Amino acid sequence: MADSQQPFMTNTNPTPKRFPLLFTHRDTLFDQLTLFARSKQAGLDRSRFEECLKNEGPRVVKADEAGASTIGIVSTPFFLVGTAVSDTEMKVRDFVKGAQPLSKFQEVIDRAIAVPR
């Protein structure tokens, strides 16, 4: 996907030029001409980007959706709160679904911290 051309976010560059293009123009995100113009602004190779949109991209998105739905995630935003078990695993203690105020996150995090490991 586009990430194969340049990481979307890294520790040294958490907001590369693609990030604002995506999140400040959500109203036209799925307009193909606009999408190609933004990919050019972001420095992506057009032919690789088109290939991704036709082949790899939809498969990856569908696999992510299927994986999320198996654990009850059917909308965004959705935040899992828990304890790291390993570098790749987490024991989920709670979740926050939808756009919520900071106080909701604090409540859920405080509850997760209070549970013994």
Protein backbone atom coordinates (compact mmCIF):
# COMPACT_ATOMS: atom_id res chain seq x y z
CA MET A 1 0.00 0.00 0.00
CA ALA A 2 1.10 3.62 0.20
CA ASP A 3 2.89 2.70 3.40
CA SER A 4 5.26 0.53 1.35
CA GLN A 5 6.51 3.69 -0.37
CA GLN A 6 7.08 5.61 2.86
CA PRO A 7 5.97 4.74 6.40
CA PHE A 8 2.76 6.52 7.34
CA MET A 9 4.11 7.43 10.77
CA THR A 10 7.44 6.72 12.41
CA ASN A 11 9.03 7.52 15.77
CA THR A 12 11.20 10.17 14.15
CA ASN A 13 8.45 11.62 11.94
CA PRO A 14 5.02 11.12 13.56
CA THR A 15 3.23 13.44 11.13
CA PRO A 16 4.67 13.08 7.64
CA LYS A 17 3.14 15.12 4.84
CA ARG A 18 0.49 12.47 4.04
CA PHE A 19 -1.13 12.65 7.47
CA PRO A 20 -2.58 16.19 7.15
CA LEU A 21 -3.69 15.48 3.58
CA LEU A 22 -5.83 12.62 4.81
CA PHE A 23 -7.28 14.07 7.97
CA THR A 24 -7.92 17.66 6.90
CA HIS A 25 -9.78 16.78 3.69
CA ARG A 26 -12.08 13.94 4.70
CA ASP A 27 -15.00 15.37 2.71
CA THR A 28 -13.31 14.53 -0.60
CA LEU A 29 -11.31 11.51 0.53
CA PHE A 30 -13.07 9.11 -1.84
CA ASP A 31 -13.14 11.33 -4.92
CA GLN A 32 -10.70 9.59 -7.28
CA LEU A 33 -9.30 12.72 -8.98
CA THR A 34 -8.74 14.39 -5.63
CA LEU A 35 -7.20 11.23 -4.24
CA PHE A 36 -4.68 11.05 -7.09
CA ALA A 37 -3.85 14.76 -6.68
CA ARG A 38 -3.25 14.22 -2.94
CA SER A 39 -1.10 11.16 -3.58
CA LYS A 40 1.07 13.31 -5.86
CA GLN A 41 1.29 16.02 -3.17
CA ALA A 42 2.39 13.33 -0.72
CA GLY A 43 5.16 12.20 -3.04
CA LEU A 44 3.72 8.77 -3.86
CA ASP A 45 4.49 6.98 -7.10
CA ARG A 46 1.25 7.20 -9.13
CA SER A 47 1.49 3.81 -10.84
CA ARG A 48 2.23 2.00 -7.56
CA PHE A 49 -0.59 3.90 -5.86
CA GLU A 50 -3.08 2.99 -8.62
CA GLU A 51 -1.98 -0.65 -8.46
CA CYS A 52 -2.56 -0.64 -4.71
CA LEU A 53 -6.05 0.81 -5.12
CA LYS A 54 -6.96 -1.88 -7.65
CA ASN A 55 -5.44 -4.92 -5.96
CA GLU A 56 -3.79 -4.96 -2.56
CA GLY A 57 -5.63 -2.08 -0.90
CA PRO A 58 -9.20 -3.45 -0.92
CA ARG A 59 -8.01 -6.88 0.26
CA VAL A 60 -6.08 -5.38 3.17
CA VAL A 61 -9.01 -3.18 4.22
CA LYS A 62 -11.47 -6.10 4.07
CA ALA A 63 -9.12 -8.28 6.12
CA ASP A 64 -8.75 -5.52 8.73
CA GLU A 65 -12.54 -5.06 8.87
CA ALA A 66 -13.09 -8.80 9.28
CA GLY A 67 -10.50 -9.05 12.03
CA ALA A 68 -11.95 -6.07 13.88
CA SER A 69 -15.52 -7.35 13.64
CA THR A 70 -14.53 -10.71 15.16
CA ILE A 71 -13.70 -8.87 18.38
CA GLY A 72 -16.72 -6.58 18.27
CA ILE A 73 -15.27 -3.52 16.58
CA VAL A 74 -17.76 -2.36 13.97
CA SER A 75 -17.26 1.40 13.92
CA THR A 76 -14.62 4.08 14.29
CA PRO A 77 -13.23 5.54 16.36
CA PHE A 78 -12.81 2.59 18.72
CA PHE A 79 -10.11 2.43 21.40
CA LEU A 80 -9.01 -0.67 23.26
CA VAL A 81 -7.58 -0.14 26.74
CA GLY A 82 -5.57 -2.82 28.47
CA THR A 83 -2.25 -4.26 29.51
CA ALA A 84 0.58 -5.25 27.22
CA VAL A 85 1.20 -9.00 27.41
CA SER A 86 4.02 -8.96 24.86
CA ASP A 87 5.26 -6.75 22.03
CA THR A 88 2.36 -7.92 19.87
CA GLU A 89 -0.38 -8.85 22.35
CA MET A 90 -2.60 -6.97 24.75
CA LYS A 91 -5.06 -8.10 27.41
CA VAL A 92 -8.06 -5.88 26.78
CA ARG A 93 -9.64 -4.59 29.96
CA ASP A 94 -12.11 -2.09 28.50
CA PHE A 95 -12.86 0.02 25.45
CA VAL A 96 -14.08 3.43 24.37
CA LYS A 97 -16.45 3.48 21.41
CA GLY A 98 -17.08 6.61 19.39
CA ALA A 99 -16.02 10.18 19.94
CA GLN A 100 -16.03 10.65 23.70
CA PRO A 101 -14.92 13.40 26.05
CA LEU A 102 -11.56 13.16 27.79
CA SER A 103 -13.33 12.32 31.06
CA LYS A 104 -14.60 9.06 29.53
CA PHE A 105 -11.07 8.04 28.56
CA GLN A 106 -9.83 8.90 32.05
CA GLU A 107 -12.60 6.79 33.62
CA VAL A 108 -11.82 3.77 31.44
CA ILE A 109 -8.05 4.07 31.94
CA ASP A 110 -8.43 4.46 35.71
CA ARG A 111 -10.60 1.32 35.80
CA ALA A 112 -8.02 -0.63 33.76
CA ILE A 113 -5.18 0.50 36.03
CA ALA A 114 -7.10 -0.57 39.14
CA VAL A 115 -7.41 -4.19 37.96
CA PRO A 116 -4.53 -6.39 39.18
CA ARG A 117 -2.44 -7.96 36.45
